[in-house]
Amino acid sequence: MTTSDVITKCDRIKPNEYSYGQKREWLNKIESEIRQYASMYSGKNADLSYTNVENPVLFLDDIYMDIYLYYIISMIDLSNQEYALYNNSSSFYNDRLRNWQKKYRRENMPECNVSINL
């Protein structure tokens, strides 16, 4: 899944007047947060080189596309000062993001070298 895939689907779901560049900035923000989160459990530095690529492949799989979509939709709602819609879309975004974070943590627990002597 690429940046343009998410933005195209978002435009189909929620028509808006915001530019591709603006939506790309919003997407870059959440993508960098996701990569930073993942790096905490992988032991590697977050790869932020995607920001220099025209149409980068995003970190999350297609099954998590709705995380990106809800985030962009919530930013559109916030920018349009549609606060009730923003509360709904950001709630969906936060719920899906937390579920992904829990799943990612379970599947990517860092190795622990601590031993307890009794």
PDB file of N, CA and C in Angstrom:
ATOM      1  N   MET A   1       0.852  -1.162   0.000  1.00  0.00           N
ATOM      2  CA  MET A   1       0.000   0.000   0.000  1.00  0.00           C
ATOM      3  C   MET A   1       0.906   1.236   0.000  1.00  0.00           C
ATOM      4  N   THR A   2       0.574   2.162  -0.858  1.00  0.00           N
ATOM      5  CA  THR A   2       1.380   3.374  -0.992  1.00  0.00           C
ATOM      6  C   THR A   2       0.597   4.603  -0.529  1.00  0.00           C
ATOM      7  N   THR A   3       1.320   5.702  -0.447  1.00  0.00           N
ATOM      8  CA  THR A   3       0.702   6.970  -0.062  1.00  0.00           C
ATOM      9  C   THR A   3      -0.437   7.338  -0.992  1.00  0.00           C
ATOM     10  N   SER A   4      -0.209   7.219  -2.282  1.00  0.00           N
ATOM     11  CA  SER A   4      -1.258   7.607  -3.237  1.00  0.00           C
ATOM     12  C   SER A   4      -2.479   6.692  -3.138  1.00  0.00           C
ATOM     13  N   ASP A   5      -2.285   5.411  -2.796  1.00  0.00           N
ATOM     14  CA  ASP A   5      -3.424   4.503  -2.600  1.00  0.00           C
ATOM     15  C   ASP A   5      -4.332   5.011  -1.485  1.00  0.00           C
ATOM     16  N   VAL A   6      -3.725   5.401  -0.374  1.00  0.00           N
ATOM     17  CA  VAL A   6      -4.495   5.871   0.782  1.00  0.00           C
ATOM     18  C   VAL A   6      -5.211   7.176   0.450  1.00  0.00           C
ATOM     19  N   ILE A   7      -4.493   8.104  -0.165  1.00  0.00           N
ATOM     20  CA  ILE A   7      -5.083   9.411  -0.474  1.00  0.00           C
ATOM     21  C   ILE A   7      -6.206   9.274  -1.501  1.00  0.00           C
ATOM     22  N   THR A   8      -6.024   8.429  -2.498  1.00  0.00           N
ATOM     23  CA  THR A   8      -7.070   8.200  -3.500  1.00  0.00           C
ATOM     24  C   THR A   8      -8.320   7.616  -2.856  1.00  0.00           C
ATOM     25  N   LYS A   9      -8.137   6.621  -1.994  1.00  0.00           N
ATOM     26  CA  LYS A   9      -9.290   6.021  -1.318  1.00  0.00           C
ATOM     27  C   LYS A   9      -9.970   7.037  -0.398  1.00  0.00           C
ATOM     28  N   CYS A  10      -9.187   7.845   0.286  1.00  0.00           N
ATOM     29  CA  CYS A  10      -9.745   8.876   1.160  1.00  0.00           C
ATOM     30  C   CYS A  10     -10.594   9.862   0.354  1.00  0.00           C
ATOM     31  N   ASP A  11     -10.102  10.268  -0.801  1.00  0.00           N
ATOM     32  CA  ASP A  11     -10.855  11.211  -1.643  1.00  0.00           C
ATOM     33  C   ASP A  11     -12.162  10.603  -2.143  1.00  0.00           C
ATOM     34  N   ARG A  12     -12.169   9.285  -2.368  1.00  0.00           N
ATOM     35  CA  ARG A  12     -13.409   8.621  -2.784  1.00  0.00           C
ATOM     36  C   ARG A  12     -14.410   8.541  -1.628  1.00  0.00           C
ATOM     37  N   ILE A  13     -13.900   8.296  -0.429  1.00  0.00           N
ATOM     38  CA  ILE A  13     -14.768   8.160   0.739  1.00  0.00           C
ATOM     39  C   ILE A  13     -15.277   9.509   1.224  1.00  0.00           C
ATOM     40  N   LYS A  14     -14.383  10.494   1.264  1.00  0.00           N
ATOM     41  CA  LYS A  14     -14.726  11.808   1.814  1.00  0.00           C
ATOM     42  C   LYS A  14     -14.221  12.886   0.866  1.00  0.00           C
ATOM     43  N   PRO A  15     -15.051  13.285  -0.083  1.00  0.00           N
ATOM     44  CA  PRO A  15     -14.634  14.363  -0.999  1.00  0.00           C
ATOM     45  C   PRO A  15     -14.256  15.622  -0.208  1.00  0.00           C
ATOM     46  N   ASN A  16     -13.184  16.273  -0.639  1.00  0.00           N
ATOM     47  CA  ASN A  16     -12.683  17.442   0.085  1.00  0.00           C
ATOM     48  C   ASN A  16     -11.901  18.336  -0.858  1.00  0.00           C
ATOM     49  N   GLU A  17     -11.582  19.540  -0.394  1.00  0.00           N
ATOM     50  CA  GLU A  17     -10.873  20.505  -1.227  1.00  0.00           C
ATOM     51  C   GLU A  17      -9.385  20.587  -0.899  1.00  0.00           C
ATOM     52  N   TYR A  18      -8.911  19.741   0.002  1.00  0.00           N
ATOM     53  CA  TYR A  18      -7.507  19.807   0.413  1.00  0.00           C
ATOM     54  C   TYR A  18      -6.606  19.173  -0.646  1.00  0.00           C
ATOM     55  N   SER A  19      -5.434  19.748  -0.793  1.00  0.00           N
ATOM     56  CA  SER A  19      -4.506  19.310  -1.840  1.00  0.00           C
ATOM     57  C   SER A  19      -3.874  17.965  -1.481  1.00  0.00           C
ATOM     58  N   TYR A  20      -3.337  17.335  -2.498  1.00  0.00           N
ATOM     59  CA  TYR A  20      -2.607  16.084  -2.303  1.00  0.00           C
ATOM     60  C   TYR A  20      -1.442  16.324  -1.348  1.00  0.00           C
ATOM     61  N   GLY A  21      -0.771  17.466  -1.509  1.00  0.00           N
ATOM     62  CA  GLY A  21       0.362  17.794  -0.653  1.00  0.00           C
ATOM     63  C   GLY A  21      -0.018  17.901   0.813  1.00  0.00           C
ATOM     64  N   GLN A  22      -1.149  18.515   1.095  1.00  0.00           N
ATOM     65  CA  GLN A  22      -1.600  18.641   2.486  1.00  0.00           C
ATOM     66  C   GLN A  22      -1.910  17.277   3.074  1.00  0.00           C
ATOM     67  N   LYS A  23      -2.596  16.443   2.305  1.00  0.00           N
ATOM     68  CA  LYS A  23      -2.924  15.100   2.793  1.00  0.00           C
ATOM     69  C   LYS A  23      -1.655  14.273   2.955  1.00  0.00           C
ATOM     70  N   ARG A  24      -0.691  14.498   2.101  1.00  0.00           N
ATOM     71  CA  ARG A  24       0.602  13.801   2.214  1.00  0.00           C
ATOM     72  C   ARG A  24       1.309  14.210   3.504  1.00  0.00           C
ATOM     73  N   GLU A  25       1.238  15.495   3.875  1.00  0.00           N
ATOM     74  CA  GLU A  25       1.835  15.942   5.140  1.00  0.00           C
ATOM     75  C   GLU A  25       1.179  15.255   6.331  1.00  0.00           C
ATOM     76  N   TRP A  26      -0.151  15.175   6.316  1.00  0.00           N
ATOM     77  CA  TRP A  26      -0.853  14.498   7.402  1.00  0.00           C
ATOM     78  C   TRP A  26      -0.450  13.029   7.460  1.00  0.00           C
ATOM     79  N   LEU A  27      -0.368  12.414   6.301  1.00  0.00           N
ATOM     80  CA  LEU A  27       0.009  11.003   6.233  1.00  0.00           C
ATOM     81  C   LEU A  27       1.444  10.790   6.713  1.00  0.00           C
ATOM     82  N   ASN A  28       2.345  11.690   6.344  1.00  0.00           N
ATOM     83  CA  ASN A  28       3.733  11.590   6.800  1.00  0.00           C
ATOM     84  C   ASN A  28       3.822  11.682   8.320  1.00  0.00           C
ATOM     85  N   LYS A  29       2.995  12.512   8.916  1.00  0.00           N
ATOM     86  CA  LYS A  29       3.014  12.666  10.371  1.00  0.00           C
ATOM     87  C   LYS A  29       2.649  11.350  11.050  1.00  0.00           C
ATOM     88  N   ILE A  30       1.552  10.750  10.636  1.00  0.00           N
ATOM     89  CA  ILE A  30       1.143   9.511  11.280  1.00  0.00           C
ATOM     90  C   ILE A  30       2.085   8.356  10.918  1.00  0.00           C
ATOM     91  N   GLU A  31       2.600   8.359   9.709  1.00  0.00           N
ATOM     92  CA  GLU A  31       3.547   7.302   9.304  1.00  0.00           C
ATOM     93  C   GLU A  31       4.812   7.368  10.151  1.00  0.00           C
ATOM     94  N   SER A  32       5.321   8.564  10.403  1.00  0.00           N
ATOM     95  CA  SER A  32       6.533   8.670  11.219  1.00  0.00           C
ATOM     96  C   SER A  32       6.254   8.235  12.660  1.00  0.00           C
ATOM     97  N   GLU A  33       5.067   8.541  13.188  1.00  0.00           N
ATOM     98  CA  GLU A  33       4.716   8.094  14.537  1.00  0.00           C
ATOM     99  C   GLU A  33       4.614   6.571  14.605  1.00  0.00           C
ATOM    100  N   ILE A  34       4.048   5.968  13.585  1.00  0.00           N
ATOM    101  CA  ILE A  34       3.936   4.507  13.539  1.00  0.00           C
ATOM    102  C   ILE A  34       5.323   3.875  13.473  1.00  0.00           C
ATOM    103  N   ARG A  35       6.181   4.417  12.646  1.00  0.00           N
ATOM    104  CA  ARG A  35       7.541   3.864  12.526  1.00  0.00           C
ATOM    105  C   ARG A  35       8.343   4.064  13.812  1.00  0.00           C
ATOM    106  N   GLN A  36       8.155   5.199  14.471  1.00  0.00           N
ATOM    107  CA  GLN A  36       8.833   5.431  15.751  1.00  0.00           C
ATOM    108  C   GLN A  36       8.363   4.410  16.787  1.00  0.00           C
ATOM    109  N   TYR A  37       7.070   4.164  16.822  1.00  0.00           N
ATOM    110  CA  TYR A  37       6.514   3.183  17.758  1.00  0.00           C
ATOM    111  C   TYR A  37       7.098   1.800  17.479  1.00  0.00           C
ATOM    112  N   ALA A  38       7.113   1.413  16.221  1.00  0.00           N
ATOM    113  CA  ALA A  38       7.632   0.092  15.855  1.00  0.00           C
ATOM    114  C   ALA A  38       9.113  -0.038  16.209  1.00  0.00           C
ATOM    115  N   SER A  39       9.855   1.043  16.092  1.00  0.00           N
ATOM    116  CA  SER A  39      11.289   0.979  16.388  1.00  0.00           C
ATOM    117  C   SER A  39      11.554   0.738  17.870  1.00  0.00           C
ATOM    118  N   MET A  40      10.620   1.109  18.726  1.00  0.00           N
ATOM    119  CA  MET A  40      10.806   0.866  20.163  1.00  0.00           C
ATOM    120  C   MET A  40      10.850  -0.628  20.461  1.00  0.00           C
ATOM    121  N   TYR A  41      10.203  -1.434  19.640  1.00  0.00           N
ATOM    122  CA  TYR A  41      10.130  -2.864  19.892  1.00  0.00           C
ATOM    123  C   TYR A  41      11.016  -3.690  18.962  1.00  0.00           C
ATOM    124  N   SER A  42      11.567  -3.069  17.945  1.00  0.00           N
ATOM    125  CA  SER A  42      12.414  -3.818  17.019  1.00  0.00           C
ATOM    126  C   SER A  42      13.892  -3.689  17.355  1.00  0.00           C
ATOM    127  N   GLY A  43      14.248  -2.695  18.149  1.00  0.00           N
ATOM    128  CA  GLY A  43      15.654  -2.484  18.469  1.00  0.00           C
ATOM    129  C   GLY A  43      16.414  -1.773  17.370  1.00  0.00           C
ATOM    130  N   LYS A  44      15.725  -1.340  16.328  1.00  0.00           N
ATOM    131  CA  LYS A  44      16.350  -0.620  15.215  1.00  0.00           C
ATOM    132  C   LYS A  44      15.840   0.811  15.215  1.00  0.00           C
ATOM    133  N   ASN A  45      16.620   1.698  14.622  1.00  0.00           N
ATOM    134  CA  ASN A  45      16.160   3.076  14.475  1.00  0.00           C
ATOM    135  C   ASN A  45      15.038   3.131  13.453  1.00  0.00           C
ATOM    136  N   ALA A  46      14.124   4.046  13.651  1.00  0.00           N
ATOM    137  CA  ALA A  46      13.007   4.207  12.708  1.00  0.00           C
ATOM    138  C   ALA A  46      13.544   4.674  11.363  1.00  0.00           C
ATOM    139  N   ASP A  47      13.117   4.025  10.297  1.00  0.00           N
ATOM    140  CA  ASP A  47      13.520   4.389   8.943  1.00  0.00           C
ATOM    141  C   ASP A  47      12.604   5.497   8.449  1.00  0.00           C
ATOM    142  N   LEU A  48      13.114   6.720   8.434  1.00  0.00           N
ATOM    143  CA  LEU A  48      12.312   7.858   7.993  1.00  0.00           C
ATOM    144  C   LEU A  48      12.701   8.315   6.592  1.00  0.00           C
ATOM    145  N   SER A  49      13.424   7.484   5.853  1.00  0.00           N
ATOM    146  CA  SER A  49      13.844   7.841   4.496  1.00  0.00           C
ATOM    147  C   SER A  49      12.675   7.881   3.517  1.00  0.00           C
ATOM    148  N   TYR A  50      11.524   7.323   3.906  1.00  0.00           N
ATOM    149  CA  TYR A  50      10.359   7.318   3.027  1.00  0.00           C
ATOM    150  C   TYR A  50       9.910   8.734   2.682  1.00  0.00           C
ATOM    151  N   THR A  51      10.243   9.717   3.518  1.00  0.00           N
ATOM    152  CA  THR A  51       9.802  11.089   3.273  1.00  0.00           C
ATOM    153  C   THR A  51      10.436  11.672   2.017  1.00  0.00           C
ATOM    154  N   ASN A  52      11.536  11.078   1.559  1.00  0.00           N
ATOM    155  CA  ASN A  52      12.219  11.557   0.356  1.00  0.00           C
ATOM    156  C   ASN A  52      11.762  10.842  -0.907  1.00  0.00           C
ATOM    157  N   VAL A  53      10.842   9.912  -0.774  1.00  0.00           N
ATOM    158  CA  VAL A  53      10.348   9.130  -1.904  1.00  0.00           C
ATOM    159  C   VAL A  53       9.009   9.711  -2.345  1.00  0.00           C
ATOM    160  N   GLU A  54       8.782   9.760  -3.645  1.00  0.00           N
ATOM    161  CA  GLU A  54       7.559  10.370  -4.184  1.00  0.00           C
ATOM    162  C   GLU A  54       6.292   9.638  -3.751  1.00  0.00           C
ATOM    163  N   ASN A  55       6.280   8.323  -3.879  1.00  0.00           N
ATOM    164  CA  ASN A  55       5.092   7.544  -3.529  1.00  0.00           C
ATOM    165  C   ASN A  55       5.536   6.326  -2.713  1.00  0.00           C
ATOM    166  N   PRO A  56       5.881   6.552  -1.438  1.00  0.00           N
ATOM    167  CA  PRO A  56       6.480   5.466  -0.654  1.00  0.00           C
ATOM    168  C   PRO A  56       5.474   4.389  -0.253  1.00  0.00           C
ATOM    169  N   VAL A  57       6.014   3.210  -0.036  1.00  0.00           N
ATOM    170  CA  VAL A  57       5.234   2.117   0.523  1.00  0.00           C
ATOM    171  C   VAL A  57       5.142   2.378   2.020  1.00  0.00           C
ATOM    172  N   LEU A  58       3.945   2.295   2.549  1.00  0.00           N
ATOM    173  CA  LEU A  58       3.721   2.599   3.961  1.00  0.00           C
ATOM    174  C   LEU A  58       4.047   1.394   4.836  1.00  0.00           C
ATOM    175  N   PHE A  59       4.287   1.645   6.100  1.00  0.00           N
ATOM    176  CA  PHE A  59       4.725   0.617   7.045  1.00  0.00           C
ATOM    177  C   PHE A  59       3.658  -0.436   7.301  1.00  0.00           C
ATOM    178  N   LEU A  60       2.419  -0.009   7.479  1.00  0.00           N
ATOM    179  CA  LEU A  60       1.343  -0.939   7.812  1.00  0.00           C
ATOM    180  C   LEU A  60       0.824  -1.674   6.582  1.00  0.00           C
ATOM    181  N   ASP A  61       0.348  -2.898   6.808  1.00  0.00           N
ATOM    182  CA  ASP A  61      -0.231  -3.701   5.735  1.00  0.00           C
ATOM    183  C   ASP A  61      -1.580  -3.130   5.297  1.00  0.00           C
ATOM    184  N   ASP A  62      -2.086  -3.649   4.196  1.00  0.00           N
ATOM    185  CA  ASP A  62      -3.378  -3.209   3.667  1.00  0.00           C
ATOM    186  C   ASP A  62      -4.521  -3.382   4.674  1.00  0.00           C
ATOM    187  N   ILE A  63      -4.434  -4.397   5.517  1.00  0.00           N
ATOM    188  CA  ILE A  63      -5.522  -4.619   6.473  1.00  0.00           C
ATOM    189  C   ILE A  63      -5.616  -3.495   7.503  1.00  0.00           C
ATOM    190  N   TYR A  64      -4.573  -2.682   7.599  1.00  0.00           N
ATOM    191  CA  TYR A  64      -4.581  -1.547   8.520  1.00  0.00           C
ATOM    192  C   TYR A  64      -4.720  -0.208   7.803  1.00  0.00           C
ATOM    193  N   MET A  65      -5.143  -0.239   6.554  1.00  0.00           N
ATOM    194  CA  MET A  65      -5.303   0.994   5.794  1.00  0.00           C
ATOM    195  C   MET A  65      -6.258   1.957   6.485  1.00  0.00           C
ATOM    196  N   ASP A  66      -7.239   1.419   7.184  1.00  0.00           N
ATOM    197  CA  ASP A  66      -8.221   2.284   7.832  1.00  0.00           C
ATOM    198  C   ASP A  66      -7.603   3.185   8.898  1.00  0.00           C
ATOM    199  N   ILE A  67      -6.475   2.808   9.476  1.00  0.00           N
ATOM    200  CA  ILE A  67      -5.789   3.685  10.429  1.00  0.00           C
ATOM    201  C   ILE A  67      -5.379   4.968   9.720  1.00  0.00           C
ATOM    202  N   TYR A  68      -4.774   4.809   8.554  1.00  0.00           N
ATOM    203  CA  TYR A  68      -4.369   5.984   7.776  1.00  0.00           C
ATOM    204  C   TYR A  68      -5.590   6.779   7.319  1.00  0.00           C
ATOM    205  N   LEU A  69      -6.599   6.071   6.847  1.00  0.00           N
ATOM    206  CA  LEU A  69      -7.805   6.744   6.348  1.00  0.00           C
ATOM    207  C   LEU A  69      -8.496   7.547   7.442  1.00  0.00           C
ATOM    208  N   TYR A  70      -8.710   6.917   8.600  1.00  0.00           N
ATOM    209  CA  TYR A  70      -9.379   7.631   9.694  1.00  0.00           C
ATOM    210  C   TYR A  70      -8.578   8.847  10.145  1.00  0.00           C
ATOM    211  N   TYR A  71      -7.253   8.740  10.106  1.00  0.00           N
ATOM    212  CA  TYR A  71      -6.443   9.885  10.514  1.00  0.00           C
ATOM    213  C   TYR A  71      -6.630  11.052   9.543  1.00  0.00           C
ATOM    214  N   ILE A  72      -6.525  10.777   8.248  1.00  0.00           N
ATOM    215  CA  ILE A  72      -6.687  11.856   7.262  1.00  0.00           C
ATOM    216  C   ILE A  72      -8.106  12.421   7.329  1.00  0.00           C
ATOM    217  N   ILE A  73      -9.089  11.559   7.441  1.00  0.00           N
ATOM    218  CA  ILE A  73     -10.479  12.020   7.536  1.00  0.00           C
ATOM    219  C   ILE A  73     -10.665  12.884   8.778  1.00  0.00           C
ATOM    220  N   SER A  74     -10.080  12.481   9.891  1.00  0.00           N
ATOM    221  CA  SER A  74     -10.224  13.290  11.103  1.00  0.00           C
ATOM    222  C   SER A  74      -9.546  14.642  10.942  1.00  0.00           C
ATOM    223  N   MET A  75      -8.422  14.689  10.236  1.00  0.00           N
ATOM    224  CA  MET A  75      -7.752  15.977  10.007  1.00  0.00           C
ATOM    225  C   MET A  75      -8.574  16.856   9.066  1.00  0.00           C
ATOM    226  N   ILE A  76      -9.239  16.264   8.104  1.00  0.00           N
ATOM    227  CA  ILE A  76     -10.131  17.024   7.223  1.00  0.00           C
ATOM    228  C   ILE A  76     -11.278  17.605   8.045  1.00  0.00           C
ATOM    229  N   ASP A  77     -11.883  16.774   8.893  1.00  0.00           N
ATOM    230  CA  ASP A  77     -12.983  17.241   9.734  1.00  0.00           C
ATOM    231  C   ASP A  77     -12.532  18.358  10.669  1.00  0.00           C
ATOM    232  N   LEU A  78     -11.366  18.208  11.266  1.00  0.00           N
ATOM    233  CA  LEU A  78     -10.847  19.238  12.158  1.00  0.00           C
ATOM    234  C   LEU A  78     -10.590  20.534  11.401  1.00  0.00           C
ATOM    235  N   SER A  79      -9.990  20.429  10.229  1.00  0.00           N
ATOM    236  CA  SER A  79      -9.692  21.610   9.417  1.00  0.00           C
ATOM    237  C   SER A  79     -10.962  22.308   8.944  1.00  0.00           C
ATOM    238  N   ASN A  80     -12.015  21.538   8.734  1.00  0.00           N
ATOM    239  CA  ASN A  80     -13.303  22.107   8.325  1.00  0.00           C
ATOM    240  C   ASN A  80     -14.126  22.605   9.520  1.00  0.00           C
ATOM    241  N   GLN A  81     -13.572  22.476  10.707  1.00  0.00           N
ATOM    242  CA  GLN A  81     -14.244  22.870  11.949  1.00  0.00           C
ATOM    243  C   GLN A  81     -15.567  22.123  12.142  1.00  0.00           C
ATOM    244  N   GLU A  82     -15.568  20.875  11.719  1.00  0.00           N
ATOM    245  CA  GLU A  82     -16.719  19.992  11.921  1.00  0.00           C
ATOM    246  C   GLU A  82     -16.377  19.097  13.117  1.00  0.00           C
ATOM    247  N   TYR A  83     -16.548  19.639  14.305  1.00  0.00           N
ATOM    248  CA  TYR A  83     -16.032  19.012  15.507  1.00  0.00           C
ATOM    249  C   TYR A  83     -16.737  17.709  15.886  1.00  0.00           C
ATOM    250  N   ALA A  84     -18.018  17.609  15.636  1.00  0.00           N
ATOM    251  CA  ALA A  84     -18.720  16.353  15.930  1.00  0.00           C
ATOM    252  C   ALA A  84     -18.186  15.237  15.028  1.00  0.00           C
ATOM    253  N   LEU A  85     -17.997  15.543  13.745  1.00  0.00           N
ATOM    254  CA  LEU A  85     -17.429  14.550  12.827  1.00  0.00           C
ATOM    255  C   LEU A  85     -15.991  14.221  13.207  1.00  0.00           C
ATOM    256  N   TYR A  86     -15.243  15.252  13.612  1.00  0.00           N
ATOM    257  CA  TYR A  86     -13.860  15.036  14.047  1.00  0.00           C
ATOM    258  C   TYR A  86     -13.811  14.092  15.246  1.00  0.00           C
ATOM    259  N   ASN A  87     -14.700  14.301  16.211  1.00  0.00           N
ATOM    260  CA  ASN A  87     -14.714  13.426  17.386  1.00  0.00           C
ATOM    261  C   ASN A  87     -14.969  11.979  16.992  1.00  0.00           C
ATOM    262  N   ASN A  88     -15.870  11.766  16.058  1.00  0.00           N
ATOM    263  CA  ASN A  88     -16.156  10.402  15.602  1.00  0.00           C
ATOM    264  C   ASN A  88     -14.975   9.790  14.864  1.00  0.00           C
ATOM    265  N   SER A  89     -14.457  10.503  13.867  1.00  0.00           N
ATOM    266  CA  SER A  89     -13.375   9.940  13.056  1.00  0.00           C
ATOM    267  C   SER A  89     -12.099   9.760  13.873  1.00  0.00           C
ATOM    268  N   SER A  90     -11.806  10.681  14.787  1.00  0.00           N
ATOM    269  CA  SER A  90     -10.602  10.521  15.606  1.00  0.00           C
ATOM    270  C   SER A  90     -10.778   9.372  16.607  1.00  0.00           C
ATOM    271  N   SER A  91     -12.003   9.146  17.045  1.00  0.00           N
ATOM    272  CA  SER A  91     -12.269   8.017  17.930  1.00  0.00           C
ATOM    273  C   SER A  91     -12.014   6.693  17.205  1.00  0.00           C
ATOM    274  N   PHE A  92     -12.493   6.580  15.968  1.00  0.00           N
ATOM    275  CA  PHE A  92     -12.226   5.381  15.167  1.00  0.00           C
ATOM    276  C   PHE A  92     -10.724   5.205  14.949  1.00  0.00           C
ATOM    277  N   TYR A  93     -10.046   6.308  14.618  1.00  0.00           N
ATOM    278  CA  TYR A  93      -8.598   6.263  14.390  1.00  0.00           C
ATOM    279  C   TYR A  93      -7.873   5.782  15.646  1.00  0.00           C
ATOM    280  N   ASN A  94      -8.171   6.399  16.790  1.00  0.00           N
ATOM    281  CA  ASN A  94      -7.484   6.042  18.036  1.00  0.00           C
ATOM    282  C   ASN A  94      -7.731   4.587  18.425  1.00  0.00           C
ATOM    283  N   ASP A  95      -8.946   4.109  18.236  1.00  0.00           N
ATOM    284  CA  ASP A  95      -9.267   2.726  18.554  1.00  0.00           C
ATOM    285  C   ASP A  95      -8.474   1.753  17.693  1.00  0.00           C
ATOM    286  N   ARG A  96      -8.476   1.993  16.392  1.00  0.00           N
ATOM    287  CA  ARG A  96      -7.741   1.099  15.472  1.00  0.00           C
ATOM    288  C   ARG A  96      -6.240   1.166  15.715  1.00  0.00           C
ATOM    289  N   LEU A  97      -5.712   2.366  15.993  1.00  0.00           N
ATOM    290  CA  LEU A  97      -4.283   2.504  16.254  1.00  0.00           C
ATOM    291  C   LEU A  97      -3.899   1.754  17.530  1.00  0.00           C
ATOM    292  N   ARG A  98      -4.677   1.905  18.588  1.00  0.00           N
ATOM    293  CA  ARG A  98      -4.385   1.189  19.844  1.00  0.00           C
ATOM    294  C   ARG A  98      -4.426  -0.328  19.635  1.00  0.00           C
ATOM    295  N   ASN A  99      -5.382  -0.811  18.865  1.00  0.00           N
ATOM    296  CA  ASN A  99      -5.441  -2.256  18.599  1.00  0.00           C
ATOM    297  C   ASN A  99      -4.205  -2.720  17.851  1.00  0.00           C
ATOM    298  N   TRP A 100      -3.770  -1.946  16.860  1.00  0.00           N
ATOM    299  CA  TRP A 100      -2.545  -2.313  16.139  1.00  0.00           C
ATOM    300  C   TRP A 100      -1.342  -2.288  17.075  1.00  0.00           C
ATOM    301  N   GLN A 101      -1.245  -1.251  17.922  1.00  0.00           N
ATOM    302  CA  GLN A 101      -0.113  -1.145  18.839  1.00  0.00           C
ATOM    303  C   GLN A 101      -0.053  -2.340  19.786  1.00  0.00           C
ATOM    304  N   LYS A 102      -1.195  -2.753  20.315  1.00  0.00           N
ATOM    305  CA  LYS A 102      -1.233  -3.913  21.213  1.00  0.00           C
ATOM    306  C   LYS A 102      -0.769  -5.171  20.488  1.00  0.00           C
ATOM    307  N   LYS A 103      -1.280  -5.362  19.292  1.00  0.00           N
ATOM    308  CA  LYS A 103      -0.905  -6.538  18.495  1.00  0.00           C
ATOM    309  C   LYS A 103       0.582  -6.504  18.171  1.00  0.00           C
ATOM    310  N   TYR A 104       1.079  -5.337  17.776  1.00  0.00           N
ATOM    311  CA  TYR A 104       2.495  -5.208  17.426  1.00  0.00           C
ATOM    312  C   TYR A 104       3.378  -5.495  18.638  1.00  0.00           C
ATOM    313  N   ARG A 105       2.994  -4.975  19.795  1.00  0.00           N
ATOM    314  CA  ARG A 105       3.749  -5.214  21.033  1.00  0.00           C
ATOM    315  C   ARG A 105       3.795  -6.700  21.368  1.00  0.00           C
ATOM    316  N   ARG A 106       2.651  -7.369  21.260  1.00  0.00           N
ATOM    317  CA  ARG A 106       2.612  -8.805  21.558  1.00  0.00           C
ATOM    318  C   ARG A 106       3.522  -9.598  20.635  1.00  0.00           C
ATOM    319  N   GLU A 107       3.542  -9.222  19.355  1.00  0.00           N
ATOM    320  CA  GLU A 107       4.291  -9.997  18.371  1.00  0.00           C
ATOM    321  C   GLU A 107       5.762  -9.599  18.278  1.00  0.00           C
ATOM    322  N   ASN A 108       6.139  -8.481  18.850  1.00  0.00           N
ATOM    323  CA  ASN A 108       7.507  -7.991  18.705  1.00  0.00           C
ATOM    324  C   ASN A 108       8.127  -7.591  20.038  1.00  0.00           C
ATOM    325  N   MET A 109       7.900  -8.389  21.039  1.00  0.00           N
ATOM    326  CA  MET A 109       8.473  -8.079  22.341  1.00  0.00           C
ATOM    327  C   MET A 109       9.993  -8.177  22.268  1.00  0.00           C
ATOM    328  N   PRO A 110      10.679  -7.169  22.785  1.00  0.00           N
ATOM    329  CA  PRO A 110      12.145  -7.236  22.785  1.00  0.00           C
ATOM    330  C   PRO A 110      12.626  -8.320  23.733  1.00  0.00           C
ATOM    331  N   GLU A 111      13.798  -8.850  23.439  1.00  0.00           N
ATOM    332  CA  GLU A 111      14.353  -9.870  24.309  1.00  0.00           C
ATOM    333  C   GLU A 111      14.776  -9.219  25.612  1.00  0.00           C
ATOM    334  N   CYS A 112      14.592  -9.929  26.654  1.00  0.00           N
ATOM    335  CA  CYS A 112      14.914  -9.416  27.988  1.00  0.00           C
ATOM    336  C   CYS A 112      16.088 -10.208  28.540  1.00  0.00           C
ATOM    337  N   ASN A 113      17.124  -9.510  28.953  1.00  0.00           N
ATOM    338  CA  ASN A 113      18.301 -10.162  29.512  1.00  0.00           C
ATOM    339  C   ASN A 113      18.354 -10.047  31.035  1.00  0.00           C
ATOM    340  N   VAL A 114      17.254  -9.764  31.638  1.00  0.00           N
ATOM    341  CA  VAL A 114      17.194  -9.601  33.080  1.00  0.00           C
ATOM    342  C   VAL A 114      16.899 -10.953  33.736  1.00  0.00           C
ATOM    343  N   SER A 115      17.631 -11.252  34.757  1.00  0.00           N
ATOM    344  CA  SER A 115      17.336 -12.466  35.508  1.00  0.00           C
ATOM    345  C   SER A 115      17.096 -12.102  36.958  1.00  0.00           C
ATOM    346  N   ILE A 116      16.203 -12.811  37.579  1.00  0.00           N
ATOM    347  CA  ILE A 116      15.870 -12.562  38.975  1.00  0.00           C
ATOM    348  C   ILE A 116      16.324 -13.755  39.804  1.00  0.00           C
ATOM    349  N   ASN A 117      17.153 -13.492  40.773  1.00  0.00           N
ATOM    350  CA  ASN A 117      17.633 -14.552  41.653  1.00  0.00           C
ATOM    351  C   ASN A 117      16.807 -14.538  42.915  1.00  0.00           C
ATOM    352  N   LEU A 118      16.308 -15.689  43.266  1.00  0.00           N
ATOM    353  CA  LEU A 118      15.526 -15.814  44.494  1.00  0.00           C
ATOM    354  C   LEU A 118      16.318 -16.459  45.586  1.00  0.00           C
TER     355      LEU A 118
END
